[in-house]
Protein backbone atom coordinates (compact mmCIF):
# COMPACT_ATOMS: atom_id res chain seq x y z
CA UNK A 1 0.00 0.00 0.00
CA UNK A 2 1.37 3.44 -0.93
CA UNK A 3 2.08 5.93 1.80
CA UNK A 4 0.12 9.17 2.15
CA UNK A 5 3.29 11.11 1.36
CA UNK A 6 3.57 9.36 -1.99
CA UNK A 7 -0.08 10.10 -2.75
CA UNK A 8 0.28 13.74 -1.73
CA UNK A 9 3.38 14.05 -3.90
CA UNK A 10 1.46 12.72 -6.89
CA UNK A 11 -1.55 14.96 -6.27
CA UNK A 12 0.61 18.10 -6.12
CA UNK A 13 1.15 17.69 -9.84
CA UNK A 14 -2.45 16.88 -10.71
CA UNK A 15 -4.19 20.25 -10.57
CA UNK A 16 -2.33 21.71 -13.58
CA UNK A 17 -3.07 18.55 -15.53
CA UNK A 18 -6.78 18.93 -14.94
CA UNK A 19 -6.91 22.11 -17.00
CA UNK A 20 -7.36 20.11 -20.20
CA UNK A 21 -10.50 18.34 -18.97
CA UNK A 22 -12.11 21.15 -17.00
CA UNK A 23 -15.15 21.58 -19.24
CA UNK A 24 -15.78 17.86 -19.31
CA UNK A 25 -15.65 17.71 -15.56
CA UNK A 26 -18.13 20.54 -15.13
CA UNK A 27 -20.67 18.62 -17.19
CA UNK A 28 -20.77 16.10 -14.37
CA UNK A 29 -21.29 18.68 -11.59
CA UNK A 30 -24.95 19.51 -11.05
CA UNK A 31 -25.43 22.97 -9.57
CA UNK A 32 -28.27 22.85 -7.05
CA UNK A 33 -28.03 26.45 -5.79
CA UNK A 34 -27.83 28.57 -8.95
CA UNK A 35 -29.34 31.71 -7.48
CA UNK A 36 -26.57 32.22 -4.92
CA UNK A 37 -23.81 32.00 -7.53
CA UNK A 38 -25.59 33.44 -10.55
CA UNK A 39 -25.49 30.56 -12.99
CA UNK A 40 -27.95 27.92 -14.17
CA UNK A 41 -27.75 24.28 -13.16
CA UNK A 42 -26.04 21.88 -15.53
CA UNK A 43 -27.65 18.52 -16.25
CA UNK A 44 -25.96 15.74 -14.33
CA UNK A 45 -26.32 12.03 -13.84
CA UNK A 46 -25.02 9.51 -11.38
CA UNK A 47 -25.18 9.50 -7.64
CA UNK A 48 -23.60 12.36 -5.67
CA UNK A 49 -20.15 11.76 -4.19
CA UNK A 50 -19.66 15.25 -2.72
CA UNK A 51 -21.35 18.65 -2.37
CA UNK A 52 -19.51 21.95 -2.48
CA UNK A 53 -21.66 24.89 -1.35
CA UNK A 54 -24.63 22.95 -2.69
CA UNK A 55 -23.07 22.03 -6.03
CA UNK A 56 -23.12 18.27 -6.54
CA UNK A 57 -20.07 16.40 -7.79
CA UNK A 58 -21.35 13.17 -9.29
CA UNK A 59 -19.97 9.67 -9.54
CA UNK A 60 -19.80 10.17 -13.31
CA UNK A 61 -17.37 13.09 -13.07
CA UNK A 62 -15.12 11.16 -10.68
CA UNK A 63 -15.15 8.08 -12.92
CA UNK A 64 -14.29 10.26 -15.92
CA UNK A 65 -11.25 11.57 -14.11
CA UNK A 66 -10.25 8.06 -13.07
CA UNK A 67 -10.41 6.91 -16.69
CA UNK A 68 -8.44 9.93 -17.85
CA UNK A 69 -5.58 9.22 -15.44
CA UNK A 70 -5.77 5.43 -15.36
CA UNK A 71 -2.32 4.05 -14.64
CA UNK A 72 -1.13 7.13 -12.74
CA UNK A 73 -0.47 6.99 -9.00
CA UNK A 74 -3.61 8.85 -7.99
CA UNK A 75 -6.00 7.51 -5.36
CA UNK A 76 -9.76 7.87 -5.72
CA UNK A 77 -9.78 10.08 -2.62
CA UNK A 78 -7.05 12.26 -4.08
CA UNK A 79 -8.91 12.69 -7.36
CA UNK A 80 -12.10 13.61 -5.53
CA UNK A 81 -10.10 16.17 -3.56
CA UNK A 82 -8.95 17.75 -6.80
CA UNK A 83 -12.51 17.88 -8.12
CA UNK A 84 -13.52 19.69 -4.94
CA UNK A 85 -10.67 22.19 -5.36
CA UNK A 86 -11.65 22.77 -8.96
CA UNK A 87 -15.30 23.35 -8.00
CA UNK A 88 -14.22 25.86 -5.33
CA UNK A 89 -12.14 27.75 -7.88
CA UNK A 90 -14.98 27.61 -10.39
CA UNK A 91 -17.44 29.05 -7.90
CA UNK A 92 -15.03 31.82 -6.98
CA UNK A 93 -14.55 32.66 -10.66
CA UNK A 94 -18.33 32.92 -11.11
CA UNK A 95 -18.68 35.12 -8.02
CA UNK A 96 -16.02 37.47 -9.39
CA UNK A 97 -17.76 37.60 -12.79
CA UNK A 98 -14.66 36.22 -14.49
CA UNK A 99 -17.01 34.65 -17.03
CA UNK A 100 -17.47 38.17 -18.43
CA UNK A 101 -13.76 38.69 -19.14
CA UNK A 102 -13.03 38.82 -22.85
CA UNK A 103 -10.13 36.37 -22.65
CA UNK A 104 -12.26 33.86 -20.73
CA UNK A 105 -15.14 34.23 -23.19
CA UNK A 106 -12.76 33.52 -26.09
CA UNK A 107 -11.28 30.46 -24.38
CA UNK A 108 -14.71 29.08 -23.50
CA UNK A 109 -15.90 29.59 -27.07
CA UNK A 110 -12.80 27.83 -28.42
CA UNK A 111 -13.30 24.93 -26.00
CA UNK A 112 -17.01 24.72 -26.85
CA UNK A 113 -16.29 24.59 -30.57
CA UNK A 114 -13.62 21.95 -30.02
CA UNK A 115 -15.95 19.75 -27.96
CA UNK A 116 -18.81 20.09 -30.45
CA UNK A 117 -16.46 19.38 -33.37
CA UNK A 118 -15.36 16.20 -31.63
CA UNK A 119 -19.01 15.28 -31.02
CA UNK A 120 -19.73 15.82 -34.73
CA UNK A 121 -16.88 13.48 -35.68
CA UNK A 122 -18.18 10.82 -33.29
CA UNK A 123 -21.64 11.20 -34.82
CA UNK A 124 -20.21 10.77 -38.33
CA UNK A 125 -18.47 7.56 -37.29
CA UNK A 126 -21.59 6.31 -35.50
CA UNK A 127 -23.57 6.69 -38.73
CA UNK A 128 -20.90 4.89 -40.78
CA UNK A 129 -19.99 1.94 -38.56
CA UNK A 130 -17.08 -0.28 -39.60
CA UNK A 131 -17.35 -4.04 -39.21
CA UNK A 132 -14.53 -6.49 -38.61
CA UNK A 133 -15.13 -7.66 -42.18
CA UNK A 134 -14.42 -4.14 -43.48
CA UNK A 135 -11.15 -4.03 -41.57
CA UNK A 136 -10.25 -7.58 -42.62
CA UNK A 137 -10.65 -6.66 -46.31
CA UNK A 138 -8.17 -3.81 -45.95
CA UNK A 139 -5.79 -6.05 -44.01
CA UNK A 140 -5.93 -8.72 -46.72
CA UNK A 141 -5.36 -6.15 -49.47
CA UNK A 142 -2.53 -4.43 -47.61
CA UNK A 143 -0.68 -7.61 -46.71
CA UNK A 144 -1.31 -9.57 -49.90
CA UNK A 145 1.53 -10.79 -52.13
CA UNK A 146 2.45 -7.24 -53.15
CA UNK A 147 1.77 -5.76 -49.74
CA UNK A 148 4.13 -8.18 -47.99
CA UNK A 149 7.16 -6.45 -49.50
CA UNK A 150 8.83 -3.14 -48.78
CA UNK A 151 10.81 -1.07 -51.22
CA UNK A 152 13.64 1.42 -50.95
CA UNK A 153 13.48 4.06 -53.64
CA UNK A 154 14.47 7.53 -54.74
CA UNK A 155 12.61 9.87 -57.04
CA UNK A 156 12.97 13.15 -58.88
CA UNK A 157 9.78 15.22 -58.93
CA UNK A 158 9.32 17.59 -61.87
CA UNK A 159 6.62 19.92 -63.13
CA UNK A 160 6.35 18.68 -66.72
CA UNK A 161 6.72 15.46 -68.68
CA UNK A 162 9.32 17.12 -70.90
CA UNK A 163 11.53 17.90 -67.90
CA UNK A 164 11.20 14.31 -66.71
CA UNK A 165 12.19 12.99 -70.14
CA UNK A 166 15.30 15.19 -70.07
CA UNK A 167 16.28 13.71 -66.69
CA UNK A 168 15.74 10.17 -68.00
CA UNK A 169 18.00 11.04 -70.93
CA UNK A 170 20.72 12.21 -68.51
CA UNK A 171 20.41 8.96 -66.53
CA UNK A 172 20.66 6.88 -69.69
CA UNK A 173 23.95 8.66 -70.39
CA UNK A 174 25.24 7.60 -66.96
CA UNK A 175 24.11 10.59 -64.93
CA UNK A 176 24.11 10.36 -61.13
CA UNK A 177 20.56 9.97 -59.82
CA UNK A 178 21.24 11.58 -56.44
CA UNK A 179 22.99 14.53 -58.00
CA UNK A 180 20.19 15.09 -60.49
CA UNK A 181 17.64 14.89 -57.66
CA UNK A 182 19.57 17.47 -55.66
CA UNK A 183 19.71 19.82 -58.64
CA UNK A 184 16.28 19.39 -60.19
CA UNK A 185 13.69 17.75 -57.91
CA UNK A 186 10.93 20.07 -56.70
CA UNK A 187 9.87 17.70 -53.91
CA UNK A 188 10.93 17.91 -50.26
CA UNK A 189 13.12 14.83 -50.67
CA UNK A 190 15.20 16.55 -53.36
CA UNK A 191 17.95 17.89 -51.06
CA UNK A 192 18.42 14.32 -49.80
CA UNK A 193 19.02 12.96 -53.26
CA UNK A 194 15.35 12.05 -53.64
CA UNK A 195 15.60 9.42 -50.90
CA UNK A 196 12.20 8.04 -49.81
CA UNK A 197 13.54 5.37 -47.48
CA UNK A 198 11.64 2.11 -47.02
CA UNK A 199 7.89 1.98 -47.64
CA UNK A 200 5.07 -0.40 -48.51
CA UNK A 201 2.91 0.03 -51.62
CA UNK A 202 -0.07 1.16 -49.56
CA UNK A 203 1.93 4.12 -48.23
CA UNK A 204 2.27 5.76 -51.65
CA UNK A 205 -0.25 6.95 -54.23
CA UNK A 206 -1.38 4.27 -56.65
CA UNK A 207 0.50 5.16 -59.82
CA UNK A 208 3.73 5.76 -57.96
CA UNK A 209 3.46 2.50 -55.99
CA UNK A 210 2.65 0.48 -59.13
CA UNK A 211 5.72 1.85 -60.89
CA UNK A 212 8.02 0.98 -57.98
CA UNK A 213 6.67 -2.58 -57.78
CA UNK A 214 7.16 -3.06 -61.55
CA UNK A 215 10.84 -2.01 -61.46
CA UNK A 216 13.78 -4.26 -60.62
CA UNK A 217 16.29 -3.38 -57.91
CA UNK A 218 18.77 -0.86 -59.32
CA UNK A 219 16.48 0.08 -62.22
CA UNK A 220 15.06 3.54 -62.91
CA UNK A 221 11.81 4.26 -64.73
CA UNK A 222 12.23 4.61 -68.48
CA UNK A 223 9.03 6.65 -68.74
CA UNK A 224 7.88 9.53 -66.53
CA UNK A 225 5.26 8.60 -63.91
CA UNK A 226 2.44 11.09 -63.37
CA UNK A 227 0.65 11.62 -60.05
CA UNK A 228 -1.30 14.55 -58.61
CA UNK A 229 2.03 15.94 -57.39
CA UNK A 230 3.67 16.15 -60.81
CA UNK A 231 5.95 13.96 -62.93
CA UNK A 232 8.31 11.47 -61.32
CA UNK A 233 11.48 9.68 -62.35
CA UNK A 234 11.88 6.75 -59.97
CA UNK A 235 14.88 4.66 -58.96
CA UNK A 236 14.13 1.44 -57.09
CA UNK A 237 17.20 0.73 -54.99
CA UNK A 238 16.23 -2.36 -53.00
CA UNK A 239 13.37 -4.54 -51.80
CA UNK A 240 12.71 -6.95 -48.96
CA UNK A 241 10.03 -9.42 -47.97
CA UNK A 242 8.11 -8.85 -44.77
CA UNK A 243 6.28 -11.11 -42.38
CA UNK A 244 2.74 -9.70 -42.21
CA UNK A 245 1.79 -8.46 -38.74
CA UNK A 246 -0.96 -10.25 -36.86
CA UNK A 247 -4.44 -8.91 -37.62
CA UNK A 248 -5.10 -8.02 -33.98
CA UNK A 249 -1.93 -5.92 -33.82
CA UNK A 250 -2.95 -3.63 -36.70
CA UNK A 251 -6.76 -3.71 -36.73
CA UNK A 252 -7.06 -0.51 -34.66
CA UNK A 253 -4.64 1.30 -36.97
CA UNK A 254 -6.57 0.13 -40.04
CA UNK A 255 -9.84 1.22 -38.44
CA UNK A 256 -8.38 4.69 -37.79
CA UNK A 257 -7.26 4.94 -41.42
CA UNK A 258 -10.72 3.97 -42.67
CA UNK A 259 -12.37 6.44 -40.32
CA UNK A 260 -10.03 9.14 -41.58
CA UNK A 261 -11.21 8.46 -45.13
CA UNK A 262 -14.84 8.60 -43.99
CA UNK A 263 -14.17 11.93 -42.29
CA UNK A 264 -12.30 13.33 -45.29
CA UNK A 265 -15.19 12.43 -47.60
CA UNK A 266 -17.67 14.10 -45.25
CA UNK A 267 -15.50 17.22 -44.98
CA UNK A 268 -15.29 17.42 -48.76
CA UNK A 269 -19.09 17.53 -48.93
CA UNK A 270 -19.29 20.16 -46.19
CA UNK A 271 -16.68 22.33 -47.86
CA UNK A 272 -18.36 21.99 -51.26
CA UNK A 273 -21.69 23.20 -49.86
CA UNK A 274 -20.24 25.92 -47.63
CA UNK A 275 -19.54 29.58 -48.34
CA UNK A 276 -15.94 30.08 -47.24
CA UNK A 277 -14.23 33.45 -47.50
CA UNK A 278 -10.63 34.03 -46.41
CA UNK A 279 -10.47 37.71 -45.44
CA UNK A 280 -7.00 37.92 -43.89
CA UNK A 281 -4.47 39.00 -46.52
CA UNK A 282 -1.65 37.01 -44.91
CA UNK A 283 -3.58 33.73 -44.89
CA UNK A 284 -3.90 31.59 -48.00
CA UNK A 285 -6.93 29.51 -48.92
CA UNK A 286 -6.47 26.10 -47.24
CA UNK A 287 -6.20 23.06 -49.45
CA UNK A 288 -8.99 20.55 -49.80
CA UNK A 289 -9.05 18.72 -46.44
CA UNK A 290 -9.25 15.35 -48.15
CA UNK A 291 -6.67 15.93 -50.88
CA UNK A 292 -4.29 13.20 -49.85
CA UNK A 293 -3.80 11.57 -46.48
CA UNK A 294 -0.50 11.93 -44.59
CA UNK A 295 0.33 8.31 -45.48
CA UNK A 296 0.13 9.18 -49.17
CA UNK A 297 2.11 12.40 -49.25
CA UNK A 298 4.49 12.40 -46.31
CA UNK A 299 7.59 11.41 -48.31
CA UNK A 300 6.88 12.76 -51.76
């Protein structure tokens, strides 16, 4: 059993950590004496575990905090003590009309929008549930015969097909691929000689991945490869076979990737139907939110 000193030491560091979940915690505190403090009661559920000047801290709010800090050395009593401290500070802030301060109003609005945005995402996923069969299909496709290999490659990204053909001509004359990438590639990997490191086919856009798989080790593409990023000249340096990971070890990752695609598709529809005006001169129009996932573009 841990000593009280150890518990107190852990709790000393807890209050600052609670800042990130403050709004969530307040949802679980039902105010039973609104008139004395000047604010309306919040809906709560669960049995009361404490009352602070009439405000009820519920079992739900305590359990939420326990889940948030599961694995940390915090006792249930210590966490309840921190909820009580937070409620006292909240009530004092209300009494001092700190809710009227401009900075507080902005922060509350930001937090409210963040929470509602998260709720919207959860609603989108709830209306497009993924089954184990959906995840299994992606697993099978990813770790099929082609997906069980990784490739090490370099590329030179160019704006036009003509430029790419010129680079291929230089390579056919014995030109150095890394040097040409340093001098001519417009992609972020250019300064590194076009090095993309090791990757699986599913990590790159389709046309690019297909070209890499079709090449032999040490061979460069004899024709330019076009993707949404431009024209590529590709050098496949090496390849290796992989042992596919167990389904259970990657199913959550696959589910997240599928959910990201669902969200991107939904955001595309929202953006298409929205009226968006960028009024700040120093801010550019953001790109389409679904125009390429990080897995597709991170190395190009």
